[in-house]
């Protein structure tokens, strides 16, 4: 039986594990932690804390690509690529998926934008885009992506907005640190 977006059947956790893909339930973000509307985020003066030559890495799900691209523009950055694709895994290595209106979602995108001449800081040309890492707490991103950003740009100043932990070599800002 097909399910409608937002229907109770679509929100129930499915216990079946078919083809190695575990399907998890949907929980609105507002019930997990406070969120900030895109319209408010656009008003933030991110350019004030960013160097004239800077890269911006932004996590986005495919359903929120339009919002992410609008934020790049509002903050003075030019979108350049999908830097990383995180395939979420369980502790035993199985791919995790979430229900969605069209297809099961099992990855998150980390988009990259730049301003100025950030290419002059690029250290390597062989940083892999695909990241297969264990999903931990809700919305916590894999440390491997931070490591790859460090490898890509070397020893430059870095800040993580909406940080959930202190990471050596990174400034952090967020209400969960």
N, C-alpha and C. Protein backbone atom coordinates (compact mmCIF):
# COMPACT_ATOMS: atom_id res chain seq x y z
N UNK A 1 0.85 -1.18 0.00
CA UNK A 1 0.00 0.00 0.00
C UNK A 1 0.89 1.24 0.00
N UNK A 2 0.68 2.19 -0.93
CA UNK A 2 1.49 3.41 -0.95
C UNK A 2 1.20 4.27 0.29
N UNK A 3 2.21 4.99 0.73
CA UNK A 3 2.03 5.88 1.87
C UNK A 3 2.16 7.32 1.40
N UNK A 4 1.41 8.20 2.05
CA UNK A 4 1.48 9.61 1.75
C UNK A 4 2.52 10.27 2.63
N UNK A 5 3.12 11.33 2.11
CA UNK A 5 4.07 12.09 2.91
C UNK A 5 3.36 12.57 4.17
N UNK A 6 4.00 12.36 5.31
CA UNK A 6 3.43 12.82 6.56
C UNK A 6 2.43 11.86 7.16
N UNK A 7 2.11 10.76 6.46
CA UNK A 7 1.14 9.82 7.02
C UNK A 7 1.78 9.06 8.17
N UNK A 8 0.96 8.58 9.09
CA UNK A 8 1.51 7.86 10.24
C UNK A 8 2.24 6.59 9.80
N UNK A 9 1.81 5.98 8.72
CA UNK A 9 2.49 4.78 8.24
C UNK A 9 3.91 5.10 7.79
N UNK A 10 4.10 6.29 7.19
CA UNK A 10 5.44 6.68 6.73
C UNK A 10 6.35 7.02 7.89
N UNK A 11 5.79 7.38 9.03
CA UNK A 11 6.60 7.80 10.17
C UNK A 11 6.93 6.65 11.12
N UNK A 12 6.27 5.54 10.99
CA UNK A 12 6.54 4.42 11.88
C UNK A 12 7.88 3.79 11.52
N UNK A 13 8.56 3.31 12.51
CA UNK A 13 9.84 2.65 12.24
C UNK A 13 9.56 1.28 11.65
N UNK A 14 10.28 1.00 10.57
CA UNK A 14 10.16 -0.31 9.95
C UNK A 14 11.23 -1.22 10.55
N UNK A 15 10.84 -2.40 10.94
CA UNK A 15 11.76 -3.31 11.59
C UNK A 15 12.44 -4.21 10.57
N UNK A 16 11.86 -4.34 9.40
CA UNK A 16 12.41 -5.23 8.39
C UNK A 16 13.73 -4.70 7.87
N UNK A 17 14.60 -5.61 7.55
CA UNK A 17 15.90 -5.27 7.01
C UNK A 17 16.03 -6.01 5.68
N UNK A 18 15.80 -5.29 4.59
CA UNK A 18 15.82 -5.92 3.26
C UNK A 18 17.07 -5.52 2.52
N UNK A 19 17.76 -6.50 1.98
CA UNK A 19 18.92 -6.24 1.15
C UNK A 19 20.03 -5.50 1.88
N UNK A 20 20.14 -5.65 3.19
CA UNK A 20 21.21 -5.00 3.93
C UNK A 20 20.95 -3.54 4.23
N UNK A 21 19.77 -3.03 3.90
CA UNK A 21 19.44 -1.63 4.16
C UNK A 21 18.47 -1.57 5.32
N UNK A 22 18.86 -0.89 6.39
CA UNK A 22 17.99 -0.73 7.55
C UNK A 22 17.23 0.57 7.40
N UNK A 23 15.93 0.52 7.51
CA UNK A 23 15.09 1.70 7.35
C UNK A 23 14.75 2.23 8.73
N UNK A 24 15.01 3.53 8.94
CA UNK A 24 14.73 4.13 10.24
C UNK A 24 13.56 5.09 10.13
N UNK A 25 13.05 5.49 11.27
CA UNK A 25 11.86 6.33 11.28
C UNK A 25 12.21 7.80 11.06
N UNK A 26 11.21 8.59 10.75
CA UNK A 26 11.35 10.02 10.50
C UNK A 26 10.98 10.77 11.77
N UNK A 27 11.83 11.70 12.18
CA UNK A 27 11.54 12.58 13.31
C UNK A 27 11.82 14.00 12.86
N UNK A 28 10.85 14.90 12.96
CA UNK A 28 11.11 16.30 12.57
C UNK A 28 12.25 16.88 13.40
N UNK A 29 13.13 17.64 12.74
CA UNK A 29 14.29 18.20 13.44
C UNK A 29 13.90 19.05 14.64
N UNK A 30 12.80 19.77 14.53
CA UNK A 30 12.38 20.66 15.60
C UNK A 30 12.13 19.90 16.91
N UNK A 31 11.89 18.61 16.81
CA UNK A 31 11.67 17.80 18.02
C UNK A 31 12.99 17.29 18.59
N UNK A 32 14.07 17.39 17.82
CA UNK A 32 15.37 16.88 18.25
C UNK A 32 16.22 18.00 18.85
N UNK A 33 16.25 19.16 18.18
CA UNK A 33 17.02 20.30 18.66
C UNK A 33 16.45 21.56 18.01
N UNK A 34 16.77 22.74 18.57
CA UNK A 34 16.25 23.98 17.98
C UNK A 34 16.82 24.20 16.58
N UNK A 35 16.01 24.67 15.68
CA UNK A 35 16.46 24.96 14.32
C UNK A 35 16.31 26.45 14.03
N UNK A 36 16.98 26.92 13.00
CA UNK A 36 16.93 28.32 12.60
C UNK A 36 16.39 28.37 11.18
N UNK A 37 15.34 29.14 10.93
CA UNK A 37 14.79 29.23 9.57
C UNK A 37 15.82 29.80 8.59
N UNK A 38 15.75 29.36 7.35
CA UNK A 38 16.67 29.84 6.32
C UNK A 38 16.61 31.35 6.19
N UNK A 39 15.43 31.93 6.30
CA UNK A 39 15.30 33.39 6.19
C UNK A 39 16.13 34.11 7.24
N UNK A 40 16.24 33.55 8.43
CA UNK A 40 17.05 34.14 9.50
C UNK A 40 18.53 33.90 9.24
N UNK A 41 18.88 32.69 8.80
CA UNK A 41 20.28 32.37 8.50
C UNK A 41 20.83 33.30 7.43
N UNK A 42 20.01 33.66 6.45
CA UNK A 42 20.45 34.54 5.38
C UNK A 42 20.89 35.90 5.90
N UNK A 43 20.34 36.32 7.03
CA UNK A 43 20.66 37.63 7.60
C UNK A 43 21.98 37.61 8.38
N UNK A 44 22.51 36.46 8.69
CA UNK A 44 23.76 36.37 9.44
C UNK A 44 24.91 36.89 8.59
N UNK A 45 25.81 37.64 9.21
CA UNK A 45 26.94 38.23 8.50
C UNK A 45 28.14 37.28 8.56
N UNK A 46 28.04 36.18 7.86
CA UNK A 46 29.11 35.18 7.85
C UNK A 46 30.37 35.77 7.21
N UNK A 47 30.19 36.67 6.26
CA UNK A 47 31.34 37.31 5.62
C UNK A 47 32.24 38.03 6.61
N UNK A 48 31.70 38.48 7.70
CA UNK A 48 32.48 39.20 8.72
C UNK A 48 33.48 38.28 9.41
N UNK A 49 33.15 37.00 9.56
CA UNK A 49 34.07 36.09 10.25
C UNK A 49 34.91 35.27 9.27
N UNK A 50 34.62 35.39 7.99
CA UNK A 50 35.36 34.62 6.98
C UNK A 50 36.48 35.48 6.38
N UNK A 51 37.58 34.85 6.08
CA UNK A 51 38.71 35.50 5.41
C UNK A 51 38.27 35.90 4.00
N UNK A 52 38.98 36.86 3.38
CA UNK A 52 38.62 37.27 2.01
C UNK A 52 38.77 36.12 1.02
N UNK A 53 39.71 35.21 1.30
CA UNK A 53 39.84 33.96 0.54
C UNK A 53 39.36 32.87 1.48
N UNK A 54 38.21 32.27 1.18
CA UNK A 54 37.63 31.30 2.11
C UNK A 54 36.85 30.22 1.37
N UNK A 55 36.77 29.08 2.01
CA UNK A 55 35.91 27.99 1.53
C UNK A 55 34.83 27.78 2.58
N UNK A 56 33.65 27.48 2.12
CA UNK A 56 32.51 27.20 2.99
C UNK A 56 32.02 25.80 2.66
N UNK A 57 32.01 24.94 3.67
CA UNK A 57 31.47 23.59 3.52
C UNK A 57 30.15 23.55 4.26
N UNK A 58 29.09 23.14 3.58
CA UNK A 58 27.76 23.16 4.17
C UNK A 58 27.08 21.81 3.96
N UNK A 59 26.62 21.22 5.06
CA UNK A 59 25.85 19.98 4.98
C UNK A 59 24.44 20.29 4.54
N UNK A 60 23.93 19.49 3.62
CA UNK A 60 22.56 19.66 3.14
C UNK A 60 22.00 18.32 2.69
N UNK A 61 20.75 18.12 2.96
CA UNK A 61 20.08 16.95 2.39
C UNK A 61 19.51 17.39 1.04
N UNK A 62 19.24 16.44 0.19
CA UNK A 62 18.77 16.79 -1.15
C UNK A 62 17.47 17.60 -1.11
N UNK A 63 16.65 17.38 -0.13
CA UNK A 63 15.39 18.12 -0.02
C UNK A 63 15.61 19.60 0.30
N UNK A 64 16.81 19.96 0.77
CA UNK A 64 17.09 21.35 1.17
C UNK A 64 18.19 21.98 0.33
N UNK A 65 18.43 21.47 -0.86
CA UNK A 65 19.46 22.02 -1.73
C UNK A 65 19.20 23.49 -2.08
N UNK A 66 17.95 23.82 -2.37
CA UNK A 66 17.62 25.20 -2.74
C UNK A 66 17.99 26.15 -1.61
N UNK A 67 17.65 25.78 -0.37
CA UNK A 67 18.00 26.62 0.79
C UNK A 67 19.50 26.78 0.90
N UNK A 68 20.24 25.69 0.76
CA UNK A 68 21.70 25.73 0.88
C UNK A 68 22.31 26.65 -0.16
N UNK A 69 21.85 26.55 -1.40
CA UNK A 69 22.39 27.39 -2.47
C UNK A 69 22.07 28.87 -2.23
N UNK A 70 20.89 29.14 -1.68
CA UNK A 70 20.54 30.52 -1.34
C UNK A 70 21.43 31.05 -0.23
N UNK A 71 21.79 30.20 0.73
CA UNK A 71 22.69 30.63 1.81
C UNK A 71 24.09 30.94 1.28
N UNK A 72 24.60 30.12 0.38
CA UNK A 72 25.90 30.43 -0.22
C UNK A 72 25.89 31.84 -0.79
N UNK A 73 24.87 32.14 -1.56
CA UNK A 73 24.77 33.45 -2.20
C UNK A 73 24.62 34.56 -1.17
N UNK A 74 23.74 34.38 -0.19
CA UNK A 74 23.51 35.40 0.83
C UNK A 74 24.77 35.69 1.64
N UNK A 75 25.60 34.70 1.82
CA UNK A 75 26.82 34.85 2.63
C UNK A 75 28.04 35.24 1.80
N UNK A 76 27.84 35.45 0.49
CA UNK A 76 28.93 35.93 -0.34
C UNK A 76 29.86 34.85 -0.88
N UNK A 77 29.36 33.64 -1.00
CA UNK A 77 30.15 32.53 -1.53
C UNK A 77 29.56 32.04 -2.84
N UNK A 78 30.42 31.50 -3.68
CA UNK A 78 29.99 30.91 -4.96
C UNK A 78 30.02 29.40 -4.80
N UNK A 79 28.88 28.76 -5.02
CA UNK A 79 28.82 27.29 -4.95
C UNK A 79 29.73 26.72 -6.03
N UNK A 80 30.58 25.73 -5.65
CA UNK A 80 31.47 25.14 -6.65
C UNK A 80 31.28 23.64 -6.85
N UNK A 81 30.92 22.88 -5.80
CA UNK A 81 30.83 21.44 -5.98
C UNK A 81 30.19 20.75 -4.76
N UNK A 82 29.84 19.49 -4.96
CA UNK A 82 29.53 18.62 -3.83
C UNK A 82 30.89 18.06 -3.40
N UNK A 83 31.37 18.52 -2.26
CA UNK A 83 32.71 18.12 -1.81
C UNK A 83 32.72 16.69 -1.29
N UNK A 84 31.69 16.34 -0.50
CA UNK A 84 31.65 15.01 0.11
C UNK A 84 30.23 14.46 0.10
N UNK A 85 30.15 13.15 -0.07
CA UNK A 85 28.88 12.43 0.03
C UNK A 85 29.07 11.40 1.14
N UNK A 86 28.32 11.57 2.21
CA UNK A 86 28.44 10.68 3.37
C UNK A 86 27.37 9.60 3.28
N UNK A 87 27.80 8.35 3.11
CA UNK A 87 26.90 7.20 3.16
C UNK A 87 26.89 6.73 4.60
N UNK A 88 25.73 6.77 5.21
CA UNK A 88 25.59 6.45 6.63
C UNK A 88 25.56 4.94 6.84
N UNK A 89 26.41 4.49 7.76
CA UNK A 89 26.53 3.07 8.05
C UNK A 89 26.18 2.80 9.51
N UNK A 90 25.76 1.56 9.78
CA UNK A 90 25.56 1.11 11.16
C UNK A 90 26.89 0.60 11.69
N UNK A 91 26.94 0.29 12.98
CA UNK A 91 28.17 -0.23 13.58
C UNK A 91 28.63 -1.53 12.91
N UNK A 92 27.67 -2.30 12.39
CA UNK A 92 28.06 -3.56 11.73
C UNK A 92 28.25 -3.40 10.22
N UNK A 93 28.30 -2.15 9.74
CA UNK A 93 28.64 -1.90 8.35
C UNK A 93 27.48 -1.86 7.37
N UNK A 94 26.26 -2.01 7.85
CA UNK A 94 25.11 -1.97 6.93
C UNK A 94 24.73 -0.52 6.62
N UNK A 95 24.25 -0.30 5.41
CA UNK A 95 23.80 1.03 5.00
C UNK A 95 22.49 1.35 5.70
N UNK A 96 22.41 2.56 6.26
CA UNK A 96 21.19 3.01 6.94
C UNK A 96 20.41 3.92 6.00
N UNK A 97 19.09 3.83 6.05
CA UNK A 97 18.24 4.66 5.20
C UNK A 97 17.10 5.24 5.99
N UNK A 98 16.61 6.39 5.52
CA UNK A 98 15.43 7.03 6.10
C UNK A 98 14.34 7.08 5.05
N UNK A 99 13.10 6.98 5.50
CA UNK A 99 11.97 7.10 4.59
C UNK A 99 11.88 8.52 4.05
N UNK A 100 11.46 8.65 2.83
CA UNK A 100 11.26 9.94 2.19
C UNK A 100 10.17 9.78 1.15
N UNK A 101 9.64 10.88 0.61
CA UNK A 101 8.52 10.79 -0.32
C UNK A 101 8.81 9.99 -1.59
N UNK A 102 10.07 9.98 -2.09
CA UNK A 102 10.33 9.35 -3.37
C UNK A 102 11.26 8.15 -3.28
N UNK A 103 12.41 8.33 -2.68
CA UNK A 103 13.38 7.23 -2.56
C UNK A 103 13.91 7.20 -1.13
N UNK A 104 14.44 6.06 -0.73
CA UNK A 104 15.05 5.96 0.59
C UNK A 104 16.31 6.82 0.61
N UNK A 105 16.50 7.54 1.69
CA UNK A 105 17.65 8.44 1.81
C UNK A 105 18.71 7.78 2.68
N UNK A 106 19.90 7.62 2.14
CA UNK A 106 20.97 7.01 2.91
C UNK A 106 22.28 7.79 2.83
N UNK A 107 22.21 9.03 2.37
CA UNK A 107 23.42 9.84 2.36
C UNK A 107 23.09 11.30 2.62
N UNK A 108 24.13 12.03 3.00
CA UNK A 108 24.04 13.48 3.14
C UNK A 108 25.14 14.08 2.30
N UNK A 109 24.86 15.27 1.81
CA UNK A 109 25.81 15.96 0.94
C UNK A 109 26.50 17.08 1.71
N UNK A 110 27.78 17.23 1.47
CA UNK A 110 28.52 18.36 2.01
C UNK A 110 28.93 19.22 0.82
N UNK A 111 28.24 20.34 0.67
CA UNK A 111 28.47 21.23 -0.47
C UNK A 111 29.64 22.15 -0.17
N UNK A 112 30.29 22.62 -1.22
CA UNK A 112 31.42 23.53 -1.04
C UNK A 112 31.22 24.77 -1.88
N UNK A 113 31.48 25.92 -1.26
CA UNK A 113 31.49 27.20 -1.95
C UNK A 113 32.78 27.92 -1.61
N UNK A 114 33.16 28.86 -2.45
CA UNK A 114 34.38 29.62 -2.20
C UNK A 114 34.13 31.10 -2.43
N UNK A 115 35.05 31.89 -1.91
CA UNK A 115 35.11 33.32 -2.25
C UNK A 115 36.58 33.68 -2.33
N UNK A 116 36.87 34.71 -3.11
CA UNK A 116 38.27 35.08 -3.29
C UNK A 116 39.01 34.03 -4.11
N UNK A 117 40.29 33.84 -3.77
CA UNK A 117 41.14 32.90 -4.50
C UNK A 117 41.54 31.73 -3.61
N UNK A 118 40.57 30.97 -3.18
CA UNK A 118 40.82 29.86 -2.26
C UNK A 118 41.67 28.77 -2.88
N UNK A 119 41.68 28.68 -4.20
CA UNK A 119 42.43 27.63 -4.88
C UNK A 119 43.93 27.71 -4.53
N UNK A 120 44.43 28.88 -4.18
CA UNK A 120 45.85 29.02 -3.84
C UNK A 120 46.23 28.24 -2.57
N UNK A 121 45.23 27.88 -1.75
CA UNK A 121 45.49 27.14 -0.51
C UNK A 121 45.34 25.64 -0.68
N UNK A 122 44.89 25.22 -1.85
CA UNK A 122 44.65 23.80 -2.08
C UNK A 122 45.96 23.03 -2.01
N UNK A 123 45.98 21.96 -1.19
CA UNK A 123 47.19 21.18 -0.97
C UNK A 123 47.24 19.89 -1.78
N UNK A 124 46.08 19.32 -2.08
CA UNK A 124 46.04 18.01 -2.74
C UNK A 124 44.94 17.97 -3.79
N UNK A 125 45.11 17.06 -4.75
CA UNK A 125 44.11 16.85 -5.79
C UNK A 125 43.45 15.48 -5.70
N UNK A 126 43.77 14.73 -4.67
CA UNK A 126 43.27 13.34 -4.62
C UNK A 126 42.44 13.05 -3.37
N UNK A 127 41.66 14.01 -2.92
CA UNK A 127 40.80 13.81 -1.75
C UNK A 127 39.51 13.13 -2.22
N UNK A 128 39.21 11.93 -1.72
CA UNK A 128 37.99 11.23 -2.15
C UNK A 128 36.70 11.95 -1.70
N UNK A 129 35.71 11.94 -2.55
CA UNK A 129 34.42 12.54 -2.25
C UNK A 129 33.56 11.63 -1.37
N UNK A 130 33.60 10.34 -1.63
CA UNK A 130 32.74 9.40 -0.92
C UNK A 130 33.29 9.11 0.48
N UNK A 131 32.43 9.27 1.48
CA UNK A 131 32.77 8.98 2.87
C UNK A 131 31.76 7.96 3.39
N UNK A 132 32.23 6.79 3.74
CA UNK A 132 31.36 5.79 4.34
C UNK A 132 31.73 5.74 5.82
N UNK A 133 30.79 6.19 6.66
CA UNK A 133 31.10 6.30 8.08
C UNK A 133 29.86 5.97 8.91
N UNK A 134 30.12 5.55 10.12
CA UNK A 134 29.05 5.18 11.06
C UNK A 134 28.26 6.42 11.45
N UNK A 135 26.95 6.30 11.43
CA UNK A 135 26.08 7.36 11.93
C UNK A 135 26.03 7.24 13.44
N UNK A 136 26.27 8.36 14.12
CA UNK A 136 26.23 8.37 15.58
C UNK A 136 25.00 9.15 16.04
N UNK A 137 25.17 10.15 16.88
CA UNK A 137 24.03 10.96 17.33
C UNK A 137 23.37 11.65 16.15
N UNK A 138 22.10 11.99 16.33
CA UNK A 138 21.36 12.68 15.28
C UNK A 138 22.10 13.94 14.86
N UNK A 139 22.35 14.08 13.57
CA UNK A 139 22.94 15.24 12.95
C UNK A 139 24.45 15.39 13.20
N UNK A 140 25.06 14.50 13.95
CA UNK A 140 26.51 14.58 14.15
C UNK A 140 27.21 14.08 12.89
N UNK A 141 28.14 14.86 12.40
CA UNK A 141 28.83 14.55 11.15
C UNK A 141 30.12 13.78 11.42
N UNK A 142 30.57 13.00 10.44
CA UNK A 142 31.77 12.18 10.66
C UNK A 142 33.06 13.01 10.74
N UNK A 143 33.90 12.65 11.67
CA UNK A 143 35.21 13.29 11.84
C UNK A 143 36.04 13.18 10.56
N UNK A 144 35.82 12.13 9.80
CA UNK A 144 36.58 11.91 8.56
C UNK A 144 36.45 13.09 7.60
N UNK A 145 35.30 13.75 7.58
CA UNK A 145 35.13 14.90 6.68
C UNK A 145 36.01 16.05 7.14
N UNK A 146 36.06 16.31 8.44
CA UNK A 146 36.95 17.36 8.94
C UNK A 146 38.40 17.04 8.55
N UNK A 147 38.80 15.79 8.72
CA UNK A 147 40.15 15.38 8.39
C UNK A 147 40.45 15.63 6.90
N UNK A 148 39.49 15.33 6.04
CA UNK A 148 39.70 15.54 4.60
C UNK A 148 39.76 17.02 4.24
N UNK A 149 38.97 17.84 4.93
CA UNK A 149 39.04 19.29 4.70
C UNK A 149 40.43 19.80 5.10
N UNK A 150 40.93 19.33 6.24
CA UNK A 150 42.28 19.71 6.68
C UNK A 150 43.32 19.27 5.66
N UNK A 151 43.17 18.08 5.13
CA UNK A 151 44.10 17.55 4.13
C UNK A 151 44.02 18.36 2.83
N UNK A 152 42.82 18.78 2.46
CA UNK A 152 42.62 19.53 1.23
C UNK A 152 43.27 20.91 1.30
N UNK A 153 43.12 21.60 2.43
CA UNK A 153 43.59 22.98 2.53
C UNK A 153 44.76 23.20 3.47
N UNK A 154 45.20 22.18 4.17
CA UNK A 154 46.36 22.35 5.05
C UNK A 154 46.04 23.19 6.28
N UNK A 155 47.05 23.89 6.75
CA UNK A 155 46.96 24.63 8.01
C UNK A 155 46.41 26.04 7.78
N UNK A 156 45.09 26.12 7.59
CA UNK A 156 44.41 27.41 7.48
C UNK A 156 43.47 27.55 8.66
N UNK A 157 43.02 28.77 8.92
CA UNK A 157 42.05 28.96 10.00
C UNK A 157 40.73 28.30 9.61
N UNK A 158 40.08 27.67 10.61
CA UNK A 158 38.82 26.98 10.36
C UNK A 158 37.85 27.25 11.52
N UNK A 159 36.57 27.37 11.18
CA UNK A 159 35.53 27.47 12.20
C UNK A 159 34.39 26.55 11.80
N UNK A 160 33.80 25.89 12.78
CA UNK A 160 32.62 25.06 12.53
C UNK A 160 31.43 25.73 13.21
N UNK A 161 30.45 26.11 12.40
CA UNK A 161 29.21 26.67 12.94
C UNK A 161 28.27 25.53 13.31
N UNK A 162 27.51 25.69 14.34
CA UNK A 162 26.62 24.65 14.87
C UNK A 162 27.42 23.43 15.33
N UNK A 163 28.61 23.69 15.82
CA UNK A 163 29.48 22.61 16.29
C UNK A 163 28.84 21.88 17.47
N UNK A 164 29.17 20.61 17.60
CA UNK A 164 28.67 19.81 18.70
C UNK A 164 29.80 19.38 19.63
N UNK A 165 31.03 19.66 19.23
CA UNK A 165 32.18 19.28 20.04
C UNK A 165 33.36 20.17 19.69
N UNK A 166 34.32 20.25 20.62
CA UNK A 166 35.58 20.95 20.34
C UNK A 166 36.47 20.00 19.55
N UNK A 167 37.05 20.50 18.48
CA UNK A 167 37.96 19.71 17.65
C UNK A 167 39.27 20.49 17.54
N UNK A 168 40.40 19.85 17.88
CA UNK A 168 41.69 20.55 17.77
C UNK A 168 41.91 21.13 16.38
N UNK A 169 42.36 22.39 16.33
CA UNK A 169 42.62 23.05 15.06
C UNK A 169 41.42 23.75 14.45
N UNK A 170 40.28 23.67 15.13
CA UNK A 170 39.06 24.30 14.64
C UNK A 170 38.51 25.22 15.72
N UNK A 171 38.09 26.42 15.33
CA UNK A 171 37.27 27.23 16.22
C UNK A 171 35.87 26.64 16.12
N UNK A 172 35.09 26.79 17.15
CA UNK A 172 33.74 26.23 17.08
C UNK A 172 32.74 27.20 17.68
N UNK A 173 31.54 27.13 17.15
CA UNK A 173 30.43 27.94 17.61
C UNK A 173 29.20 27.09 17.54
N UNK A 174 28.44 27.05 18.61
CA UNK A 174 27.20 26.29 18.62
C UNK A 174 26.67 26.15 20.04
N UNK A 175 25.39 25.87 20.15
CA UNK A 175 24.79 25.78 21.48
C UNK A 175 24.92 24.40 22.11
N UNK A 176 25.63 23.48 21.44
CA UNK A 176 25.83 22.15 22.01
C UNK A 176 27.29 21.87 22.39
N UNK A 177 28.14 22.87 22.22
CA UNK A 177 29.56 22.69 22.55
C UNK A 177 29.77 22.88 24.04
